[in-house]
Amino acid sequence: MKELILIFVAYLIGSVPTALMISRKFFGIDIREYGSGNMGATNTFRVLGSRYGTIVMVMDILKGMAAVALFNFLPYYLHNEWDRTNLMVGLGLAAVLGHIFPIFADFKGGKGVATLFGMILAVQPVIAASCVGVFLLVLFLTRYVSLSSILAGVALPICVLWIWNDDVTIYRIFAVLVAFMVVLTHQKNIIKLLRGNESRVPIFKHRDRRKATRSK
């Protein structure tokens, strides 16, 4: 019973609509009415700029970490690694579900990637850091947040199954499911990338300005 209560609390944490709150507070708009219509970090970068996009991304990551940390309220799980792992994954997934279908925003949320990585960071920090590294590298090279998210998601099972060869079954299953979920929730972005009309985010505008100047 206590576990179910914590899972529900984790869902509520994930449901906090950070992008919507910031867009309404500072711009007087509903972020879901602009850009891709998505309430996530990618669309926030695109619509509100890199400063607010970064804030939303960090806050969404923290939602996943906070949800996983709820296991600390049940002393039994502090000394039972297998059960603790299962609970942590369950709490994290509840937060991701809350982000995608937030009760505080008419169940119209984001794609859950940032919250998902927050969850992974809390459960497996080394592997999460590797995925974040992939994300940042791809973002630096392409300025496509969607492509960065997709490749970071695909990198997760590669890290779990081959690079670190984690032998915990639930991690292996979870990693593969995450990769499928990230690709599935980014179908529209994949189509836009293939067509060449996916929007880039203005994160490295000074670098791009220098490049444009040199090319003249």
N, C-alpha and C. Protein backbone atom coordinates (compact mmCIF):
# COMPACT_ATOMS: atom_id res chain seq x y z
N MET A 1 0.83 -1.20 0.00
CA MET A 1 0.00 0.00 0.00
C MET A 1 0.87 1.27 0.00
N LYS A 2 1.92 1.27 0.84
CA LYS A 2 2.81 2.42 0.90
C LYS A 2 3.52 2.62 -0.43
N GLU A 3 3.87 1.51 -1.08
CA GLU A 3 4.53 1.61 -2.38
C GLU A 3 3.62 2.28 -3.41
N LEU A 4 2.35 1.92 -3.40
CA LEU A 4 1.39 2.51 -4.35
C LEU A 4 1.22 4.01 -4.10
N ILE A 5 1.24 4.39 -2.83
CA ILE A 5 1.13 5.81 -2.50
C ILE A 5 2.34 6.58 -3.04
N LEU A 6 3.54 5.99 -2.86
CA LEU A 6 4.74 6.65 -3.36
C LEU A 6 4.75 6.72 -4.89
N ILE A 7 4.27 5.68 -5.53
CA ILE A 7 4.20 5.70 -6.99
C ILE A 7 3.26 6.79 -7.47
N PHE A 8 2.15 6.98 -6.75
CA PHE A 8 1.21 8.04 -7.10
C PHE A 8 1.85 9.41 -6.88
N VAL A 9 2.60 9.55 -5.79
CA VAL A 9 3.30 10.81 -5.52
C VAL A 9 4.33 11.07 -6.63
N ALA A 10 5.01 10.02 -7.06
CA ALA A 10 5.99 10.15 -8.15
C ALA A 10 5.30 10.63 -9.43
N TYR A 11 4.11 10.09 -9.68
CA TYR A 11 3.34 10.54 -10.84
C TYR A 11 3.00 12.02 -10.73
N LEU A 12 2.62 12.46 -9.54
CA LEU A 12 2.29 13.88 -9.32
C LEU A 12 3.51 14.77 -9.53
N ILE A 13 4.68 14.28 -9.09
CA ILE A 13 5.92 15.04 -9.29
C ILE A 13 6.19 15.19 -10.78
N GLY A 14 6.03 14.09 -11.51
CA GLY A 14 6.23 14.15 -12.96
C GLY A 14 5.22 15.02 -13.65
N SER A 15 4.05 15.18 -13.06
CA SER A 15 2.97 15.96 -13.67
C SER A 15 3.17 17.47 -13.54
N VAL A 16 4.13 17.90 -12.74
CA VAL A 16 4.36 19.34 -12.61
C VAL A 16 4.75 19.90 -13.97
N PRO A 17 3.92 20.77 -14.56
CA PRO A 17 4.14 21.25 -15.94
C PRO A 17 5.13 22.40 -16.02
N THR A 18 6.39 22.10 -15.90
CA THR A 18 7.41 23.15 -15.82
C THR A 18 7.40 24.08 -17.04
N ALA A 19 7.35 23.50 -18.23
CA ALA A 19 7.36 24.34 -19.44
C ALA A 19 6.13 25.23 -19.50
N LEU A 20 4.99 24.69 -19.14
CA LEU A 20 3.74 25.47 -19.16
C LEU A 20 3.79 26.59 -18.13
N MET A 21 4.29 26.29 -16.95
CA MET A 21 4.39 27.28 -15.88
C MET A 21 5.30 28.44 -16.30
N ILE A 22 6.44 28.12 -16.89
CA ILE A 22 7.39 29.16 -17.28
C ILE A 22 6.84 29.98 -18.45
N SER A 23 6.22 29.31 -19.42
CA SER A 23 5.69 30.04 -20.57
C SER A 23 4.57 30.99 -20.15
N ARG A 24 3.76 30.58 -19.20
CA ARG A 24 2.69 31.46 -18.73
C ARG A 24 3.22 32.57 -17.83
N LYS A 25 4.19 32.24 -16.97
CA LYS A 25 4.71 33.21 -16.01
C LYS A 25 5.48 34.34 -16.70
N PHE A 26 6.36 33.98 -17.64
CA PHE A 26 7.26 34.97 -18.22
C PHE A 26 6.83 35.48 -19.60
N PHE A 27 5.95 34.72 -20.29
CA PHE A 27 5.57 35.14 -21.63
C PHE A 27 4.06 35.27 -21.83
N GLY A 28 3.29 34.83 -20.83
CA GLY A 28 1.85 34.94 -20.93
C GLY A 28 1.24 34.10 -22.02
N ILE A 29 1.89 32.95 -22.34
CA ILE A 29 1.39 32.07 -23.39
C ILE A 29 1.32 30.63 -22.89
N ASP A 30 0.63 29.81 -23.65
CA ASP A 30 0.61 28.36 -23.42
C ASP A 30 1.57 27.74 -24.42
N ILE A 31 2.68 27.21 -23.94
CA ILE A 31 3.73 26.66 -24.81
C ILE A 31 3.18 25.62 -25.78
N ARG A 32 2.07 24.97 -25.43
CA ARG A 32 1.49 23.93 -26.27
C ARG A 32 0.78 24.48 -27.50
N GLU A 33 0.62 25.79 -27.55
CA GLU A 33 -0.02 26.42 -28.70
C GLU A 33 1.00 26.93 -29.71
N TYR A 34 2.27 26.63 -29.48
CA TYR A 34 3.34 27.12 -30.35
C TYR A 34 4.29 25.98 -30.71
N GLY A 35 5.03 26.18 -31.77
CA GLY A 35 6.01 25.19 -32.18
C GLY A 35 5.37 23.85 -32.50
N SER A 36 5.90 22.83 -31.87
CA SER A 36 5.39 21.47 -32.10
C SER A 36 4.16 21.16 -31.27
N GLY A 37 3.78 22.11 -30.39
CA GLY A 37 2.63 21.86 -29.53
C GLY A 37 2.96 20.96 -28.37
N ASN A 38 4.25 20.76 -28.13
CA ASN A 38 4.72 19.85 -27.10
C ASN A 38 5.15 20.60 -25.85
N MET A 39 4.87 20.06 -24.68
CA MET A 39 5.25 20.71 -23.43
C MET A 39 6.51 20.08 -22.88
N GLY A 40 7.59 20.21 -23.64
CA GLY A 40 8.86 19.64 -23.20
C GLY A 40 10.00 20.59 -23.45
N ALA A 41 11.21 20.16 -23.10
CA ALA A 41 12.39 21.03 -23.23
C ALA A 41 12.68 21.37 -24.69
N THR A 42 12.51 20.41 -25.59
CA THR A 42 12.81 20.66 -27.01
C THR A 42 11.98 21.80 -27.56
N ASN A 43 10.69 21.76 -27.33
CA ASN A 43 9.82 22.81 -27.83
C ASN A 43 10.06 24.12 -27.10
N THR A 44 10.45 24.06 -25.84
CA THR A 44 10.76 25.27 -25.09
C THR A 44 12.00 25.94 -25.66
N PHE A 45 13.02 25.14 -25.97
CA PHE A 45 14.21 25.69 -26.64
C PHE A 45 13.80 26.40 -27.92
N ARG A 46 12.94 25.75 -28.68
CA ARG A 46 12.54 26.26 -29.99
C ARG A 46 11.73 27.55 -29.87
N VAL A 47 10.81 27.60 -28.92
CA VAL A 47 9.87 28.72 -28.83
C VAL A 47 10.38 29.84 -27.92
N LEU A 48 10.93 29.48 -26.76
CA LEU A 48 11.30 30.49 -25.77
C LEU A 48 12.80 30.79 -25.74
N GLY A 49 13.60 29.99 -26.43
CA GLY A 49 15.03 30.25 -26.46
C GLY A 49 15.83 29.36 -25.53
N SER A 50 17.15 29.44 -25.65
CA SER A 50 18.03 28.52 -24.92
C SER A 50 17.99 28.70 -23.42
N ARG A 51 17.83 29.96 -22.95
CA ARG A 51 17.83 30.20 -21.49
C ARG A 51 16.69 29.46 -20.82
N TYR A 52 15.48 29.67 -21.31
CA TYR A 52 14.32 29.04 -20.69
C TYR A 52 14.24 27.55 -21.04
N GLY A 53 14.75 27.19 -22.21
CA GLY A 53 14.81 25.78 -22.57
C GLY A 53 15.69 25.01 -21.62
N THR A 54 16.83 25.60 -21.26
CA THR A 54 17.75 24.96 -20.31
C THR A 54 17.12 24.84 -18.93
N ILE A 55 16.42 25.88 -18.51
CA ILE A 55 15.76 25.84 -17.20
C ILE A 55 14.74 24.71 -17.16
N VAL A 56 13.92 24.61 -18.21
CA VAL A 56 12.90 23.56 -18.26
C VAL A 56 13.55 22.18 -18.28
N MET A 57 14.62 22.02 -19.05
CA MET A 57 15.28 20.73 -19.14
C MET A 57 15.83 20.31 -17.78
N VAL A 58 16.48 21.24 -17.08
CA VAL A 58 17.04 20.92 -15.75
C VAL A 58 15.93 20.57 -14.77
N MET A 59 14.85 21.34 -14.78
CA MET A 59 13.75 21.07 -13.86
C MET A 59 13.08 19.74 -14.16
N ASP A 60 12.96 19.39 -15.43
CA ASP A 60 12.36 18.10 -15.79
C ASP A 60 13.27 16.94 -15.39
N ILE A 61 14.57 17.14 -15.51
CA ILE A 61 15.51 16.12 -15.05
C ILE A 61 15.38 15.92 -13.54
N LEU A 62 15.27 17.02 -12.82
CA LEU A 62 15.14 16.95 -11.36
C LEU A 62 13.86 16.24 -10.94
N LYS A 63 12.80 16.35 -11.76
CA LYS A 63 11.56 15.64 -11.45
C LYS A 63 11.80 14.13 -11.42
N GLY A 64 12.55 13.63 -12.39
CA GLY A 64 12.85 12.20 -12.42
C GLY A 64 13.69 11.77 -11.24
N MET A 65 14.68 12.59 -10.88
CA MET A 65 15.55 12.27 -9.75
C MET A 65 14.79 12.30 -8.44
N ALA A 66 13.92 13.30 -8.28
CA ALA A 66 13.15 13.43 -7.05
C ALA A 66 12.19 12.26 -6.88
N ALA A 67 11.58 11.83 -7.98
CA ALA A 67 10.65 10.72 -7.91
C ALA A 67 11.34 9.43 -7.47
N VAL A 68 12.51 9.16 -8.04
CA VAL A 68 13.26 7.95 -7.69
C VAL A 68 13.68 8.00 -6.22
N ALA A 69 14.02 9.18 -5.74
CA ALA A 69 14.50 9.33 -4.35
C ALA A 69 13.42 9.03 -3.31
N LEU A 70 12.19 8.91 -3.73
CA LEU A 70 11.10 8.64 -2.79
C LEU A 70 11.25 7.29 -2.09
N PHE A 71 12.05 6.38 -2.66
CA PHE A 71 12.22 5.07 -2.03
C PHE A 71 12.81 5.20 -0.63
N ASN A 72 13.49 6.32 -0.37
CA ASN A 72 14.11 6.54 0.95
C ASN A 72 13.09 6.62 2.07
N PHE A 73 11.82 6.84 1.74
CA PHE A 73 10.78 6.92 2.76
C PHE A 73 10.37 5.55 3.29
N LEU A 74 10.85 4.49 2.64
CA LEU A 74 10.54 3.14 3.09
C LEU A 74 11.84 2.45 3.51
N PRO A 75 12.14 2.40 4.80
CA PRO A 75 13.41 1.85 5.30
C PRO A 75 13.73 0.44 4.80
N TYR A 76 12.71 -0.37 4.54
CA TYR A 76 12.95 -1.74 4.10
C TYR A 76 13.81 -1.79 2.85
N TYR A 77 13.59 -0.85 1.94
CA TYR A 77 14.26 -0.88 0.64
C TYR A 77 15.70 -0.37 0.70
N LEU A 78 16.08 0.22 1.82
CA LEU A 78 17.44 0.72 1.94
C LEU A 78 18.45 -0.41 2.01
N HIS A 79 18.01 -1.60 2.40
CA HIS A 79 18.94 -2.73 2.57
C HIS A 79 18.58 -3.93 1.71
N ASN A 80 17.75 -3.72 0.70
CA ASN A 80 17.35 -4.81 -0.19
C ASN A 80 17.50 -4.34 -1.63
N GLU A 81 18.68 -4.60 -2.19
CA GLU A 81 19.04 -4.02 -3.48
C GLU A 81 18.07 -4.39 -4.60
N TRP A 82 17.71 -5.68 -4.71
CA TRP A 82 16.83 -6.11 -5.81
C TRP A 82 15.47 -5.42 -5.72
N ASP A 83 14.87 -5.46 -4.54
CA ASP A 83 13.56 -4.81 -4.36
C ASP A 83 13.67 -3.31 -4.53
N ARG A 84 14.78 -2.73 -4.05
CA ARG A 84 14.99 -1.29 -4.18
C ARG A 84 15.08 -0.89 -5.65
N THR A 85 15.79 -1.68 -6.43
CA THR A 85 15.92 -1.38 -7.86
C THR A 85 14.57 -1.39 -8.55
N ASN A 86 13.77 -2.42 -8.24
CA ASN A 86 12.44 -2.50 -8.84
C ASN A 86 11.58 -1.29 -8.47
N LEU A 87 11.65 -0.89 -7.19
CA LEU A 87 10.86 0.25 -6.75
C LEU A 87 11.34 1.54 -7.39
N MET A 88 12.66 1.71 -7.48
CA MET A 88 13.22 2.91 -8.08
C MET A 88 12.79 3.05 -9.54
N VAL A 89 12.84 1.95 -10.27
CA VAL A 89 12.42 1.98 -11.68
C VAL A 89 10.93 2.29 -11.76
N GLY A 90 10.13 1.69 -10.87
CA GLY A 90 8.69 1.96 -10.87
C GLY A 90 8.38 3.41 -10.57
N LEU A 91 9.09 3.99 -9.62
CA LEU A 91 8.89 5.40 -9.26
C LEU A 91 9.29 6.31 -10.42
N GLY A 92 10.42 5.98 -11.03
CA GLY A 92 10.88 6.79 -12.15
C GLY A 92 9.93 6.76 -13.32
N LEU A 93 9.43 5.57 -13.64
CA LEU A 93 8.50 5.43 -14.76
C LEU A 93 7.19 6.16 -14.47
N ALA A 94 6.78 6.16 -13.20
CA ALA A 94 5.56 6.90 -12.83
C ALA A 94 5.75 8.39 -13.08
N ALA A 95 6.94 8.90 -12.78
CA ALA A 95 7.22 10.32 -13.04
C ALA A 95 7.23 10.61 -14.53
N VAL A 96 7.82 9.72 -15.32
CA VAL A 96 7.83 9.89 -16.78
C VAL A 96 6.40 9.89 -17.32
N LEU A 97 5.60 8.97 -16.82
CA LEU A 97 4.20 8.91 -17.23
C LEU A 97 3.48 10.21 -16.86
N GLY A 98 3.81 10.74 -15.67
CA GLY A 98 3.21 12.00 -15.26
C GLY A 98 3.61 13.15 -16.16
N HIS A 99 4.85 13.13 -16.63
CA HIS A 99 5.30 14.19 -17.53
C HIS A 99 4.59 14.11 -18.89
N ILE A 100 4.39 12.90 -19.37
CA ILE A 100 3.73 12.72 -20.67
C ILE A 100 2.23 12.99 -20.57
N PHE A 101 1.63 12.53 -19.47
CA PHE A 101 0.19 12.73 -19.25
C PHE A 101 -0.03 13.42 -17.90
N PRO A 102 0.29 14.73 -17.82
CA PRO A 102 0.22 15.44 -16.54
C PRO A 102 -1.21 15.76 -16.10
N ILE A 103 -1.53 15.37 -14.91
CA ILE A 103 -2.87 15.63 -14.38
C ILE A 103 -3.09 17.13 -14.18
N PHE A 104 -2.01 17.90 -14.01
CA PHE A 104 -2.11 19.34 -13.79
C PHE A 104 -2.18 20.14 -15.08
N ALA A 105 -2.14 19.47 -16.23
CA ALA A 105 -2.15 20.19 -17.51
C ALA A 105 -3.01 19.45 -18.53
N ASP A 106 -4.16 18.99 -18.09
CA ASP A 106 -5.13 18.34 -18.98
C ASP A 106 -4.56 17.12 -19.69
N PHE A 107 -3.58 16.47 -19.06
CA PHE A 107 -2.98 15.23 -19.60
C PHE A 107 -2.29 15.45 -20.95
N LYS A 108 -1.88 16.68 -21.22
CA LYS A 108 -1.17 16.99 -22.46
C LYS A 108 0.21 17.52 -22.11
N GLY A 109 1.19 16.62 -22.07
CA GLY A 109 2.52 17.00 -21.63
C GLY A 109 3.58 16.89 -22.69
N GLY A 110 4.78 16.52 -22.27
CA GLY A 110 5.91 16.40 -23.19
C GLY A 110 6.21 14.95 -23.51
N LYS A 111 7.40 14.71 -24.03
CA LYS A 111 7.78 13.36 -24.43
C LYS A 111 8.52 12.60 -23.34
N GLY A 112 8.86 13.28 -22.27
CA GLY A 112 9.41 12.60 -21.10
C GLY A 112 10.89 12.29 -21.13
N VAL A 113 11.61 12.77 -22.14
CA VAL A 113 13.02 12.40 -22.26
C VAL A 113 13.85 12.95 -21.11
N ALA A 114 13.70 14.25 -20.79
CA ALA A 114 14.49 14.84 -19.71
C ALA A 114 14.18 14.19 -18.37
N THR A 115 12.90 13.94 -18.10
CA THR A 115 12.51 13.27 -16.85
C THR A 115 13.04 11.85 -16.81
N LEU A 116 13.04 11.20 -17.96
CA LEU A 116 13.58 9.85 -18.08
C LEU A 116 15.06 9.81 -17.74
N PHE A 117 15.82 10.79 -18.25
CA PHE A 117 17.24 10.82 -17.96
C PHE A 117 17.51 11.19 -16.50
N GLY A 118 16.61 11.97 -15.92
CA GLY A 118 16.74 12.24 -14.49
C GLY A 118 16.57 10.97 -13.68
N MET A 119 15.64 10.15 -14.12
CA MET A 119 15.41 8.87 -13.47
C MET A 119 16.65 7.97 -13.60
N ILE A 120 17.20 7.89 -14.82
CA ILE A 120 18.39 7.06 -15.05
C ILE A 120 19.57 7.58 -14.26
N LEU A 121 19.68 8.90 -14.16
CA LEU A 121 20.77 9.51 -13.41
C LEU A 121 20.71 9.10 -11.94
N ALA A 122 19.50 8.95 -11.42
CA ALA A 122 19.33 8.56 -10.02
C ALA A 122 19.57 7.06 -9.82
N VAL A 123 19.23 6.26 -10.83
CA VAL A 123 19.36 4.81 -10.70
C VAL A 123 20.74 4.34 -11.10
N GLN A 124 21.25 4.83 -12.24
CA GLN A 124 22.55 4.42 -12.75
C GLN A 124 23.31 5.65 -13.23
N PRO A 125 23.94 6.39 -12.32
CA PRO A 125 24.57 7.67 -12.68
C PRO A 125 25.66 7.59 -13.73
N VAL A 126 26.48 6.54 -13.71
CA VAL A 126 27.58 6.44 -14.68
C VAL A 126 27.03 6.27 -16.10
N ILE A 127 26.06 5.37 -16.23
CA ILE A 127 25.45 5.14 -17.54
C ILE A 127 24.69 6.39 -18.00
N ALA A 128 24.02 7.04 -17.06
CA ALA A 128 23.29 8.26 -17.41
C ALA A 128 24.25 9.34 -17.90
N ALA A 129 25.39 9.45 -17.24
CA ALA A 129 26.38 10.45 -17.65
C ALA A 129 26.87 10.17 -19.07
N SER A 130 27.01 8.91 -19.43
CA SER A 130 27.42 8.55 -20.78
C SER A 130 26.37 8.98 -21.80
N CYS A 131 25.10 8.75 -21.47
CA CYS A 131 24.02 9.13 -22.37
C CYS A 131 23.92 10.65 -22.50
N VAL A 132 24.13 11.34 -21.40
CA VAL A 132 24.13 12.81 -21.43
C VAL A 132 25.28 13.31 -22.31
N GLY A 133 26.41 12.62 -22.22
CA GLY A 133 27.55 12.98 -23.06
C GLY A 133 27.21 12.85 -24.54
N VAL A 134 26.51 11.77 -24.90
CA VAL A 134 26.07 11.59 -26.29
C VAL A 134 25.13 12.72 -26.67
N PHE A 135 24.19 13.04 -25.78
CA PHE A 135 23.23 14.11 -26.04
C PHE A 135 23.94 15.43 -26.32
N LEU A 136 24.88 15.81 -25.45
CA LEU A 136 25.56 17.09 -25.59
C LEU A 136 26.44 17.14 -26.83
N LEU A 137 27.09 16.03 -27.14
CA LEU A 137 27.95 15.98 -28.32
C LEU A 137 27.13 16.16 -29.60
N VAL A 138 26.03 15.43 -29.70
CA VAL A 138 25.17 15.53 -30.89
C VAL A 138 24.56 16.93 -30.97
N LEU A 139 24.17 17.48 -29.82
CA LEU A 139 23.58 18.82 -29.80
C LEU A 139 24.60 19.85 -30.25
N PHE A 140 25.83 19.71 -29.81
CA PHE A 140 26.89 20.65 -30.19
C PHE A 140 27.15 20.59 -31.69
N LEU A 141 27.12 19.39 -32.25
CA LEU A 141 27.44 19.21 -33.66
C LEU A 141 26.28 19.58 -34.58
N THR A 142 25.05 19.36 -34.12
CA THR A 142 23.90 19.52 -35.02
C THR A 142 22.90 20.60 -34.61
N ARG A 143 22.81 20.89 -33.32
CA ARG A 143 21.82 21.81 -32.75
C ARG A 143 20.39 21.26 -32.89
N TYR A 144 20.26 19.96 -33.10
CA TYR A 144 18.95 19.32 -33.10
C TYR A 144 18.73 18.66 -31.74
N VAL A 145 17.84 19.21 -30.94
CA VAL A 145 17.55 18.61 -29.64
C VAL A 145 16.88 17.25 -29.83
N SER A 146 16.01 17.13 -30.82
CA SER A 146 15.30 15.87 -31.07
C SER A 146 16.28 14.76 -31.44
N LEU A 147 17.21 15.04 -32.34
CA LEU A 147 18.20 14.03 -32.74
C LEU A 147 19.09 13.67 -31.56
N SER A 148 19.45 14.67 -30.78
CA SER A 148 20.28 14.42 -29.59
C SER A 148 19.56 13.49 -28.61
N SER A 149 18.26 13.73 -28.42
CA SER A 149 17.47 12.89 -27.51
C SER A 149 17.35 11.47 -28.03
N ILE A 150 17.12 11.33 -29.33
CA ILE A 150 16.96 10.00 -29.93
C ILE A 150 18.25 9.20 -29.78
N LEU A 151 19.38 9.78 -30.14
CA LEU A 151 20.65 9.06 -30.08
C LEU A 151 21.07 8.78 -28.64
N ALA A 152 20.74 9.68 -27.73
CA ALA A 152 21.04 9.43 -26.31
C ALA A 152 20.21 8.26 -25.81
N GLY A 153 18.94 8.20 -26.24
CA GLY A 153 18.08 7.08 -25.86
C GLY A 153 18.57 5.76 -26.41
N VAL A 154 19.02 5.77 -27.65
CA VAL A 154 19.55 4.55 -28.27
C VAL A 154 20.87 4.14 -27.61
N ALA A 155 21.62 5.14 -27.12
CA ALA A 155 22.90 4.83 -26.46
C ALA A 155 22.70 4.09 -25.15
N LEU A 156 21.52 4.25 -24.53
CA LEU A 156 21.29 3.61 -23.23
C LEU A 156 21.43 2.09 -23.27
N PRO A 157 20.69 1.38 -24.14
CA PRO A 157 20.87 -0.08 -24.17
C PRO A 157 22.26 -0.50 -24.62
N ILE A 158 22.90 0.31 -25.46
CA ILE A 158 24.28 0.00 -25.87
C ILE A 158 25.20 0.02 -24.66
N CYS A 159 25.02 1.03 -23.81
CA CYS A 159 25.84 1.13 -22.60
C CYS A 159 25.54 -0.01 -21.63
N VAL A 160 24.25 -0.29 -21.43
CA VAL A 160 23.85 -1.30 -20.45
C VAL A 160 24.21 -2.71 -20.91
N LEU A 161 23.96 -3.02 -22.18
CA LEU A 161 24.12 -4.39 -22.67
C LEU A 161 25.55 -4.73 -23.07
N TRP A 162 26.30 -3.75 -23.57
CA TRP A 162 27.60 -4.08 -24.13
C TRP A 162 28.77 -3.36 -23.47
N ILE A 163 28.69 -2.05 -23.32
CA ILE A 163 29.85 -1.32 -22.79
C ILE A 163 30.10 -1.66 -21.33
N TRP A 164 29.06 -1.55 -20.48
CA TRP A 164 29.22 -1.89 -19.06
C TRP A 164 28.70 -3.30 -18.76
N ASN A 165 27.99 -3.87 -19.66
CA ASN A 165 27.49 -5.25 -19.53
C ASN A 165 26.84 -5.48 -18.17
N ASP A 166 25.89 -4.62 -17.83
CA ASP A 166 25.18 -4.73 -16.55
C ASP A 166 24.37 -6.03 -16.54
N ASP A 167 24.55 -6.84 -15.50
CA ASP A 167 23.90 -8.14 -15.45
C ASP A 167 22.56 -8.13 -14.73
N VAL A 168 22.09 -6.95 -14.31
CA VAL A 168 20.78 -6.86 -13.66
C VAL A 168 19.70 -6.89 -14.73
N THR A 169 18.87 -7.93 -14.69
CA THR A 169 17.88 -8.15 -15.75
C THR A 169 16.95 -6.98 -15.95
N ILE A 170 16.49 -6.38 -14.86
CA ILE A 170 15.53 -5.29 -14.99
C ILE A 170 16.15 -4.08 -15.70
N TYR A 171 17.45 -3.84 -15.49
CA TYR A 171 18.12 -2.74 -16.19
C TYR A 171 18.16 -3.02 -17.69
N ARG A 172 18.46 -4.27 -18.04
CA ARG A 172 18.55 -4.63 -19.46
C ARG A 172 17.21 -4.43 -20.16
N ILE A 173 16.15 -4.95 -19.54
CA ILE A 173 14.82 -4.82 -20.13
C ILE A 173 14.42 -3.34 -20.21
N PHE A 174 14.67 -2.64 -19.13
CA PHE A 174 14.32 -1.22 -19.07
C PHE A 174 15.06 -0.43 -20.14
N ALA A 175 16.34 -0.68 -20.33
CA ALA A 175 17.15 0.06 -21.30
C ALA A 175 16.61 -0.12 -22.71
N VAL A 176 16.27 -1.35 -23.06
CA VAL A 176 15.73 -1.62 -24.40
C VAL A 176 14.38 -0.93 -24.58
N LEU A 177 13.53 -1.01 -23.57
CA LEU A 177 12.21 -0.37 -23.66
C LEU A 177 12.34 1.15 -23.78
N VAL A 178 13.30 1.72 -23.09
CA VAL A 178 13.51 3.17 -23.16
C VAL A 178 13.88 3.58 -24.58
N ALA A 179 14.78 2.83 -25.20
CA ALA A 179 15.20 3.15 -26.57
C ALA A 179 14.00 3.12 -27.51
N PHE A 180 13.17 2.09 -27.38
CA PHE A 180 11.97 2.00 -28.22
C PHE A 180 11.02 3.16 -27.95
N MET A 181 10.86 3.50 -26.67
CA MET A 181 9.94 4.58 -26.31
C MET A 181 10.39 5.92 -26.87
N VAL A 182 11.70 6.20 -26.75
CA VAL A 182 12.23 7.47 -27.25
C VAL A 182 12.05 7.58 -28.75
N VAL A 183 12.33 6.51 -29.47
CA VAL A 183 12.15 6.51 -30.92
C VAL A 183 10.67 6.66 -31.27
N LEU A 184 9.82 5.96 -30.52
CA LEU A 184 8.38 6.00 -30.79
C LEU A 184 7.81 7.40 -30.57
N THR A 185 8.22 8.06 -29.51
CA THR A 185 7.67 9.38 -29.20
C THR A 185 8.27 10.48 -30.07
N HIS A 186 9.29 10.14 -30.85
CA HIS A 186 9.91 11.14 -31.72
C HIS A 186 9.68 10.83 -33.20
N GLN A 187 8.61 10.12 -33.50
CA GLN A 187 8.36 9.76 -34.90
C GLN A 187 8.23 10.99 -35.80
N LYS A 188 7.48 11.99 -35.34
CA LYS A 188 7.30 13.21 -36.14
C LYS A 188 8.63 13.92 -36.36
N ASN A 189 9.46 13.93 -35.31
CA ASN A 189 10.77 14.58 -35.43
C ASN A 189 11.66 13.82 -36.41
N ILE A 190 11.58 12.50 -36.40
CA ILE A 190 12.38 11.69 -37.32
C ILE A 190 11.99 11.99 -38.76
N ILE A 191 10.69 12.11 -39.01
CA ILE A 191 10.21 12.44 -40.36
C ILE A 191 10.74 13.81 -40.78
N LYS A 192 10.68 14.77 -39.87
CA LYS A 192 11.17 16.12 -40.18
C LYS A 192 12.68 16.11 -40.43
N LEU A 193 13.41 15.31 -39.65
CA LEU A 193 14.86 15.21 -39.84
C LEU A 193 15.18 14.63 -41.22
N LEU A 194 14.44 13.60 -41.60
CA LEU A 194 14.67 12.97 -42.91
C LEU A 194 14.31 13.92 -44.05
N ARG A 195 13.33 14.76 -43.82
CA ARG A 195 12.91 15.73 -44.84
C ARG A 195 13.76 16.99 -44.83
N GLY A 196 14.55 17.15 -43.77
CA GLY A 196 15.42 18.31 -43.68
C GLY A 196 14.75 19.58 -43.20
N ASN A 197 13.57 19.45 -42.57
CA ASN A 197 12.88 20.66 -42.09
C ASN A 197 12.66 20.66 -40.57
N GLU A 198 13.48 19.91 -39.86
CA GLU A 198 13.44 19.95 -38.40
C GLU A 198 14.11 21.24 -37.92
N SER A 199 13.54 21.87 -36.92
CA SER A 199 14.07 23.14 -36.42
C SER A 199 15.29 22.92 -35.55
N ARG A 200 16.28 23.77 -35.73
CA ARG A 200 17.45 23.78 -34.86
C ARG A 200 17.21 24.75 -33.72
N VAL A 201 17.89 24.54 -32.61
CA VAL A 201 17.72 25.43 -31.48
C VAL A 201 18.88 26.42 -31.42
N PRO A 202 18.63 27.67 -31.04
CA PRO A 202 19.67 28.71 -31.05
C PRO A 202 20.56 28.67 -29.82
N ILE A 203 21.23 27.54 -29.63
CA ILE A 203 22.08 27.40 -28.45
C ILE A 203 23.47 27.98 -28.69
N PHE A 204 24.00 27.76 -29.89
CA PHE A 204 25.35 28.20 -30.21
C PHE A 204 25.32 29.31 -31.24
N LYS A 205 24.49 30.31 -30.99
CA LYS A 205 24.28 31.36 -31.98
C LYS A 205 25.56 32.17 -32.23
N HIS A 206 26.41 32.34 -31.20
CA HIS A 206 27.65 33.08 -31.40
C HIS A 206 28.59 32.31 -32.31
N ARG A 207 28.66 31.00 -32.13
CA ARG A 207 29.49 30.17 -33.00
C ARG A 207 28.96 30.21 -34.42
N ASP A 208 27.63 30.11 -34.56
CA ASP A 208 27.02 30.11 -35.88
C ASP A 208 27.20 31.46 -36.57
N ARG A 209 27.17 32.54 -35.78
CA ARG A 209 27.35 33.86 -36.36
C ARG A 209 28.77 34.00 -36.91
N ARG A 210 29.74 33.44 -36.19
CA ARG A 210 31.13 33.49 -36.66
C ARG A 210 31.29 32.71 -37.96
N LYS A 211 30.63 31.55 -38.01
CA LYS A 211 30.70 30.74 -39.22
C LYS A 211 30.09 31.46 -40.41
N ALA A 212 28.95 32.11 -40.15
CA ALA A 212 28.29 32.83 -41.23
C ALA A 212 29.15 33.97 -41.73
N THR A 213 29.85 34.64 -40.82
CA THR A 213 30.72 35.76 -41.18
C THR A 213 31.88 35.29 -42.03
N ARG A 214 32.46 34.13 -41.66
CA ARG A 214 33.59 33.60 -42.41
C ARG A 214 33.21 33.17 -43.81
N SER A 215 31.97 32.69 -43.96
CA SER A 215 31.52 32.18 -45.26
C SER A 215 31.19 33.29 -46.25
N LYS A 216 31.08 34.54 -45.77
CA LYS A 216 30.76 35.65 -46.66
C LYS A 216 31.98 36.10 -47.46
